[in-house]
Amino acid sequence: MIEDIPFTVTDTPRGATVRNFETGATNPALLLAYAARAAEVATGCTTTNITKETGVNTYYAALDCPPQ
């Protein structure tokens, strides 16, 4: 949950896929920022780039993760 909006985050080989089911009441730029933060909270990494898939609330986050 970021600002009371639920997100799901799935790790991928290239970063993370972030989804939510917002109905359109929240500003799209704000949702993009929240999606980036959701990726960071879920992975412990820093979002270096995030893009949104056209027409749906699916975001693709490139991540910079600390060495393990």
PDB file of N, CA and C in Angstrom:
ATOM      1  N   MET A   1       0.846  -1.182   0.000  1.00  0.00           N
ATOM      2  CA  MET A   1       0.000   0.000   0.000  1.00  0.00           C
ATOM      3  C   MET A   1       0.894   1.248   0.000  1.00  0.00           C
ATOM      4  N   ILE A   2       0.640   2.107  -0.947  1.00  0.00           N
ATOM      5  CA  ILE A   2       1.300   3.405  -0.992  1.00  0.00           C
ATOM      6  C   ILE A   2       0.195   4.450  -1.008  1.00  0.00           C
ATOM      7  N   GLU A   3       0.172   5.294   0.018  1.00  0.00           N
ATOM      8  CA  GLU A   3      -0.862   6.332   0.135  1.00  0.00           C
ATOM      9  C   GLU A   3      -2.261   5.735  -0.036  1.00  0.00           C
ATOM     10  N   ASP A   4      -2.497   4.609   0.621  1.00  0.00           N
ATOM     11  CA  ASP A   4      -3.797   3.909   0.617  1.00  0.00           C
ATOM     12  C   ASP A   4      -4.178   3.308  -0.729  1.00  0.00           C
ATOM     13  N   ILE A   5      -3.242   3.200  -1.657  1.00  0.00           N
ATOM     14  CA  ILE A   5      -3.504   2.570  -2.952  1.00  0.00           C
ATOM     15  C   ILE A   5      -2.734   1.258  -2.980  1.00  0.00           C
ATOM     16  N   PRO A   6      -3.431   0.128  -3.197  1.00  0.00           N
ATOM     17  CA  PRO A   6      -2.745  -1.164  -3.206  1.00  0.00           C
ATOM     18  C   PRO A   6      -1.994  -1.399  -4.522  1.00  0.00           C
ATOM     19  N   PHE A   7      -0.797  -1.946  -4.399  1.00  0.00           N
ATOM     20  CA  PHE A   7       0.034  -2.317  -5.542  1.00  0.00           C
ATOM     21  C   PHE A   7       0.503  -3.748  -5.366  1.00  0.00           C
ATOM     22  N   THR A   8       0.658  -4.452  -6.469  1.00  0.00           N
ATOM     23  CA  THR A   8       1.347  -5.738  -6.453  1.00  0.00           C
ATOM     24  C   THR A   8       2.666  -5.547  -7.192  1.00  0.00           C
ATOM     25  N   VAL A   9       3.711  -6.155  -6.684  1.00  0.00           N
ATOM     26  CA  VAL A   9       5.038  -6.034  -7.280  1.00  0.00           C
ATOM     27  C   VAL A   9       5.570  -7.436  -7.528  1.00  0.00           C
ATOM     28  N   THR A  10       6.004  -7.676  -8.759  1.00  0.00           N
ATOM     29  CA  THR A  10       6.576  -8.957  -9.139  1.00  0.00           C
ATOM     30  C   THR A  10       7.992  -8.727  -9.650  1.00  0.00           C
ATOM     31  N   ASP A  11       8.955  -9.440  -9.054  1.00  0.00           N
ATOM     32  CA  ASP A  11      10.333  -9.363  -9.546  1.00  0.00           C
ATOM     33  C   ASP A  11      10.419  -9.990 -10.922  1.00  0.00           C
ATOM     34  N   THR A  12      11.213  -9.386 -11.777  1.00  0.00           N
ATOM     35  CA  THR A  12      11.480  -9.936 -13.110  1.00  0.00           C
ATOM     36  C   THR A  12      12.992  -9.900 -13.325  1.00  0.00           C
ATOM     37  N   PRO A  13      13.479 -10.591 -14.337  1.00  0.00           N
ATOM     38  CA  PRO A  13      14.920 -10.549 -14.598  1.00  0.00           C
ATOM     39  C   PRO A  13      15.429  -9.131 -14.914  1.00  0.00           C
ATOM     40  N   ARG A  14      14.546  -8.259 -15.365  1.00  0.00           N
ATOM     41  CA  ARG A  14      14.962  -6.903 -15.750  1.00  0.00           C
ATOM     42  C   ARG A  14      14.594  -5.845 -14.718  1.00  0.00           C
ATOM     43  N   GLY A  15      13.952  -6.220 -13.625  1.00  0.00           N
ATOM     44  CA  GLY A  15      13.534  -5.248 -12.616  1.00  0.00           C
ATOM     45  C   GLY A  15      12.293  -5.724 -11.899  1.00  0.00           C
ATOM     46  N   ALA A  16      11.205  -4.958 -12.037  1.00  0.00           N
ATOM     47  CA  ALA A  16       9.948  -5.336 -11.380  1.00  0.00           C
ATOM     48  C   ALA A  16       8.770  -4.873 -12.225  1.00  0.00           C
ATOM     49  N   THR A  17       7.701  -5.655 -12.162  1.00  0.00           N
ATOM     50  CA  THR A  17       6.426  -5.267 -12.750  1.00  0.00           C
ATOM     51  C   THR A  17       5.526  -4.866 -11.601  1.00  0.00           C
ATOM     52  N   VAL A  18       4.926  -3.696 -11.714  1.00  0.00           N
ATOM     53  CA  VAL A  18       4.086  -3.153 -10.649  1.00  0.00           C
ATOM     54  C   VAL A  18       2.687  -2.945 -11.227  1.00  0.00           C
ATOM     55  N   ARG A  19       1.671  -3.383 -10.474  1.00  0.00           N
ATOM     56  CA  ARG A  19       0.284  -3.218 -10.938  1.00  0.00           C
ATOM     57  C   ARG A  19      -0.569  -2.657  -9.806  1.00  0.00           C
ATOM     58  N   ASN A  20      -1.614  -1.939 -10.209  1.00  0.00           N
ATOM     59  CA  ASN A  20      -2.654  -1.540  -9.261  1.00  0.00           C
ATOM     60  C   ASN A  20      -3.984  -1.535  -9.992  1.00  0.00           C
ATOM     61  N   PHE A  21      -5.040  -1.332  -9.245  1.00  0.00           N
ATOM     62  CA  PHE A  21      -6.381  -1.383  -9.827  1.00  0.00           C
ATOM     63  C   PHE A  21      -7.127  -0.081  -9.567  1.00  0.00           C
ATOM     64  N   GLU A  22      -6.388   1.016  -9.609  1.00  0.00           N
ATOM     65  CA  GLU A  22      -6.956   2.345  -9.440  1.00  0.00           C
ATOM     66  C   GLU A  22      -7.977   2.608 -10.541  1.00  0.00           C
ATOM     67  N   THR A  23      -9.044   3.261 -10.195  1.00  0.00           N
ATOM     68  CA  THR A  23     -10.151   3.480 -11.136  1.00  0.00           C
ATOM     69  C   THR A  23     -10.014   4.748 -11.968  1.00  0.00           C
ATOM     70  N   GLY A  24      -8.942   5.501 -11.769  1.00  0.00           N
ATOM     71  CA  GLY A  24      -8.763   6.716 -12.546  1.00  0.00           C
ATOM     72  C   GLY A  24      -8.972   7.984 -11.752  1.00  0.00           C
ATOM     73  N   ALA A  25      -9.240   7.864 -10.458  1.00  0.00           N
ATOM     74  CA  ALA A  25      -9.470   9.041  -9.638  1.00  0.00           C
ATOM     75  C   ALA A  25      -8.165   9.743  -9.262  1.00  0.00           C
ATOM     76  N   THR A  26      -7.056   9.018  -9.307  1.00  0.00           N
ATOM     77  CA  THR A  26      -5.758   9.580  -8.924  1.00  0.00           C
ATOM     78  C   THR A  26      -5.007  10.048 -10.161  1.00  0.00           C
ATOM     79  N   ASN A  27      -4.338  11.171 -10.046  1.00  0.00           N
ATOM     80  CA  ASN A  27      -3.542  11.740 -11.122  1.00  0.00           C
ATOM     81  C   ASN A  27      -2.552  10.697 -11.651  1.00  0.00           C
ATOM     82  N   PRO A  28      -2.484  10.478 -12.978  1.00  0.00           N
ATOM     83  CA  PRO A  28      -1.574   9.470 -13.542  1.00  0.00           C
ATOM     84  C   PRO A  28      -0.106   9.684 -13.198  1.00  0.00           C
ATOM     85  N   ALA A  29       0.352  10.925 -13.111  1.00  0.00           N
ATOM     86  CA  ALA A  29       1.747  11.186 -12.744  1.00  0.00           C
ATOM     87  C   ALA A  29       2.007  10.767 -11.295  1.00  0.00           C
ATOM     88  N   LEU A  30       1.016  10.978 -10.451  1.00  0.00           N
ATOM     89  CA  LEU A  30       1.139  10.574  -9.056  1.00  0.00           C
ATOM     90  C   LEU A  30       1.162   9.051  -8.948  1.00  0.00           C
ATOM     91  N   LEU A  31       0.310   8.379  -9.717  1.00  0.00           N
ATOM     92  CA  LEU A  31       0.309   6.914  -9.717  1.00  0.00           C
ATOM     93  C   LEU A  31       1.664   6.366 -10.174  1.00  0.00           C
ATOM     94  N   LEU A  32       2.271   7.000 -11.149  1.00  0.00           N
ATOM     95  CA  LEU A  32       3.584   6.576 -11.620  1.00  0.00           C
ATOM     96  C   LEU A  32       4.612   6.688 -10.489  1.00  0.00           C
ATOM     97  N   ALA A  33       4.584   7.793  -9.774  1.00  0.00           N
ATOM     98  CA  ALA A  33       5.503   7.983  -8.650  1.00  0.00           C
ATOM     99  C   ALA A  33       5.228   6.961  -7.541  1.00  0.00           C
ATOM    100  N   TYR A  34       3.962   6.691  -7.262  1.00  0.00           N
ATOM    101  CA  TYR A  34       3.609   5.697  -6.252  1.00  0.00           C
ATOM    102  C   TYR A  34       4.054   4.303  -6.672  1.00  0.00           C
ATOM    103  N   ALA A  35       3.936   3.993  -7.956  1.00  0.00           N
ATOM    104  CA  ALA A  35       4.370   2.689  -8.456  1.00  0.00           C
ATOM    105  C   ALA A  35       5.875   2.530  -8.272  1.00  0.00           C
ATOM    106  N   ALA A  36       6.628   3.591  -8.538  1.00  0.00           N
ATOM    107  CA  ALA A  36       8.072   3.543  -8.325  1.00  0.00           C
ATOM    108  C   ALA A  36       8.388   3.296  -6.857  1.00  0.00           C
ATOM    109  N   ARG A  37       7.676   3.964  -5.983  1.00  0.00           N
ATOM    110  CA  ARG A  37       7.900   3.778  -4.547  1.00  0.00           C
ATOM    111  C   ARG A  37       7.504   2.369  -4.109  1.00  0.00           C
ATOM    112  N   ALA A  38       6.415   1.831  -4.673  1.00  0.00           N
ATOM    113  CA  ALA A  38       5.996   0.466  -4.344  1.00  0.00           C
ATOM    114  C   ALA A  38       7.080  -0.535  -4.740  1.00  0.00           C
ATOM    115  N   ALA A  39       7.691  -0.333  -5.905  1.00  0.00           N
ATOM    116  CA  ALA A  39       8.776  -1.212  -6.341  1.00  0.00           C
ATOM    117  C   ALA A  39       9.937  -1.157  -5.362  1.00  0.00           C
ATOM    118  N   GLU A  40      10.267   0.021  -4.890  1.00  0.00           N
ATOM    119  CA  GLU A  40      11.374   0.185  -3.950  1.00  0.00           C
ATOM    120  C   GLU A  40      11.077  -0.458  -2.607  1.00  0.00           C
ATOM    121  N   VAL A  41       9.872  -0.255  -2.104  1.00  0.00           N
ATOM    122  CA  VAL A  41       9.494  -0.834  -0.809  1.00  0.00           C
ATOM    123  C   VAL A  41       9.517  -2.359  -0.886  1.00  0.00           C
ATOM    124  N   ALA A  42       8.993  -2.918  -1.974  1.00  0.00           N
ATOM    125  CA  ALA A  42       8.895  -4.368  -2.097  1.00  0.00           C
ATOM    126  C   ALA A  42      10.242  -5.041  -2.340  1.00  0.00           C
ATOM    127  N   THR A  43      11.159  -4.345  -3.024  1.00  0.00           N
ATOM    128  CA  THR A  43      12.414  -4.991  -3.413  1.00  0.00           C
ATOM    129  C   THR A  43      13.621  -4.563  -2.596  1.00  0.00           C
ATOM    130  N   GLY A  44      13.553  -3.407  -1.957  1.00  0.00           N
ATOM    131  CA  GLY A  44      14.712  -2.880  -1.254  1.00  0.00           C
ATOM    132  C   GLY A  44      15.728  -2.250  -2.192  1.00  0.00           C
ATOM    133  N   CYS A  45      15.335  -2.031  -3.437  1.00  0.00           N
ATOM    134  CA  CYS A  45      16.209  -1.457  -4.457  1.00  0.00           C
ATOM    135  C   CYS A  45      15.765  -0.027  -4.762  1.00  0.00           C
ATOM    136  N   THR A  46      16.548   0.658  -5.584  1.00  0.00           N
ATOM    137  CA  THR A  46      16.208   1.998  -6.035  1.00  0.00           C
ATOM    138  C   THR A  46      15.672   1.923  -7.459  1.00  0.00           C
ATOM    139  N   THR A  47      14.556   2.576  -7.711  1.00  0.00           N
ATOM    140  CA  THR A  47      14.004   2.630  -9.061  1.00  0.00           C
ATOM    141  C   THR A  47      14.817   3.629  -9.875  1.00  0.00           C
ATOM    142  N   THR A  48      15.396   3.162 -10.986  1.00  0.00           N
ATOM    143  CA  THR A  48      16.189   4.039 -11.841  1.00  0.00           C
ATOM    144  C   THR A  48      15.389   4.536 -13.036  1.00  0.00           C
ATOM    145  N   ASN A  49      14.338   3.824 -13.391  1.00  0.00           N
ATOM    146  CA  ASN A  49      13.474   4.222 -14.496  1.00  0.00           C
ATOM    147  C   ASN A  49      12.156   3.475 -14.337  1.00  0.00           C
ATOM    148  N   ILE A  50      11.065   4.128 -14.699  1.00  0.00           N
ATOM    149  CA  ILE A  50       9.770   3.457 -14.642  1.00  0.00           C
ATOM    150  C   ILE A  50       8.930   3.921 -15.823  1.00  0.00           C
ATOM    151  N   THR A  51       8.250   2.982 -16.453  1.00  0.00           N
ATOM    152  CA  THR A  51       7.366   3.294 -17.574  1.00  0.00           C
ATOM    153  C   THR A  51       6.017   2.651 -17.326  1.00  0.00           C
ATOM    154  N   LYS A  52       5.007   3.206 -17.964  1.00  0.00           N
ATOM    155  CA  LYS A  52       3.636   2.705 -17.818  1.00  0.00           C
ATOM    156  C   LYS A  52       3.188   2.084 -19.131  1.00  0.00           C
ATOM    157  N   GLU A  53       2.528   0.943 -19.030  1.00  0.00           N
ATOM    158  CA  GLU A  53       1.945   0.321 -20.213  1.00  0.00           C
ATOM    159  C   GLU A  53       0.690   1.110 -20.597  1.00  0.00           C
ATOM    160  N   THR A  54       0.530   1.385 -21.862  1.00  0.00           N
ATOM    161  CA  THR A  54      -0.604   2.170 -22.342  1.00  0.00           C
ATOM    162  C   THR A  54      -1.924   1.462 -22.047  1.00  0.00           C
ATOM    163  N   GLY A  55      -2.857   2.208 -21.476  1.00  0.00           N
ATOM    164  CA  GLY A  55      -4.217   1.721 -21.295  1.00  0.00           C
ATOM    165  C   GLY A  55      -4.492   0.928 -20.035  1.00  0.00           C
ATOM    166  N   VAL A  56      -3.465   0.507 -19.312  1.00  0.00           N
ATOM    167  CA  VAL A  56      -3.679  -0.254 -18.076  1.00  0.00           C
ATOM    168  C   VAL A  56      -2.717   0.257 -17.008  1.00  0.00           C
ATOM    169  N   ASN A  57      -3.025  -0.049 -15.773  1.00  0.00           N
ATOM    170  CA  ASN A  57      -2.169   0.376 -14.668  1.00  0.00           C
ATOM    171  C   ASN A  57      -1.102  -0.671 -14.388  1.00  0.00           C
ATOM    172  N   THR A  58      -0.256  -0.888 -15.383  1.00  0.00           N
ATOM    173  CA  THR A  58       0.892  -1.777 -15.246  1.00  0.00           C
ATOM    174  C   THR A  58       2.135  -0.951 -15.543  1.00  0.00           C
ATOM    175  N   TYR A  59       3.105  -1.069 -14.655  1.00  0.00           N
ATOM    176  CA  TYR A  59       4.323  -0.270 -14.739  1.00  0.00           C
ATOM    177  C   TYR A  59       5.527  -1.216 -14.748  1.00  0.00           C
ATOM    178  N   TYR A  60       6.572  -0.802 -15.442  1.00  0.00           N
ATOM    179  CA  TYR A  60       7.797  -1.584 -15.506  1.00  0.00           C
ATOM    180  C   TYR A  60       8.917  -0.751 -14.909  1.00  0.00           C
ATOM    181  N   ALA A  61       9.510  -1.254 -13.836  1.00  0.00           N
ATOM    182  CA  ALA A  61      10.535  -0.520 -13.102  1.00  0.00           C
ATOM    183  C   ALA A  61      11.899  -1.160 -13.326  1.00  0.00           C
ATOM    184  N   ALA A  62      12.865  -0.345 -13.757  1.00  0.00           N
ATOM    185  CA  ALA A  62      14.270  -0.765 -13.760  1.00  0.00           C
ATOM    186  C   ALA A  62      14.813  -0.448 -12.380  1.00  0.00           C
ATOM    187  N   LEU A  63      15.595  -1.361 -11.833  1.00  0.00           N
ATOM    188  CA  LEU A  63      16.031  -1.226 -10.449  1.00  0.00           C
ATOM    189  C   LEU A  63      17.548  -1.268 -10.337  1.00  0.00           C
ATOM    190  N   ASP A  64      18.062  -0.554  -9.336  1.00  0.00           N
ATOM    191  CA  ASP A  64      19.452  -0.628  -8.942  1.00  0.00           C
ATOM    192  C   ASP A  64      19.462  -1.203  -7.538  1.00  0.00           C
ATOM    193  N   CYS A  65      19.945  -2.441  -7.416  1.00  0.00           N
ATOM    194  CA  CYS A  65      19.896  -3.132  -6.132  1.00  0.00           C
ATOM    195  C   CYS A  65      21.283  -3.176  -5.492  1.00  0.00           C
ATOM    196  N   PRO A  66      21.326  -3.097  -4.166  1.00  0.00           N
ATOM    197  CA  PRO A  66      22.611  -3.179  -3.492  1.00  0.00           C
ATOM    198  C   PRO A  66      23.209  -4.571  -3.679  1.00  0.00           C
ATOM    199  N   PRO A  67      24.531  -4.680  -3.641  1.00  0.00           N
ATOM    200  CA  PRO A  67      25.169  -6.007  -3.763  1.00  0.00           C
ATOM    201  C   PRO A  67      24.698  -6.929  -2.641  1.00  0.00           C
ATOM    202  N   GLN A  68      24.598  -8.184  -2.983  1.00  0.00           N
ATOM    203  CA  GLN A  68      24.124  -9.155  -1.972  1.00  0.00           C
ATOM    204  C   GLN A  68      25.268  -9.908  -1.366  1.00  0.00           C
TER     205      GLN A  68
END
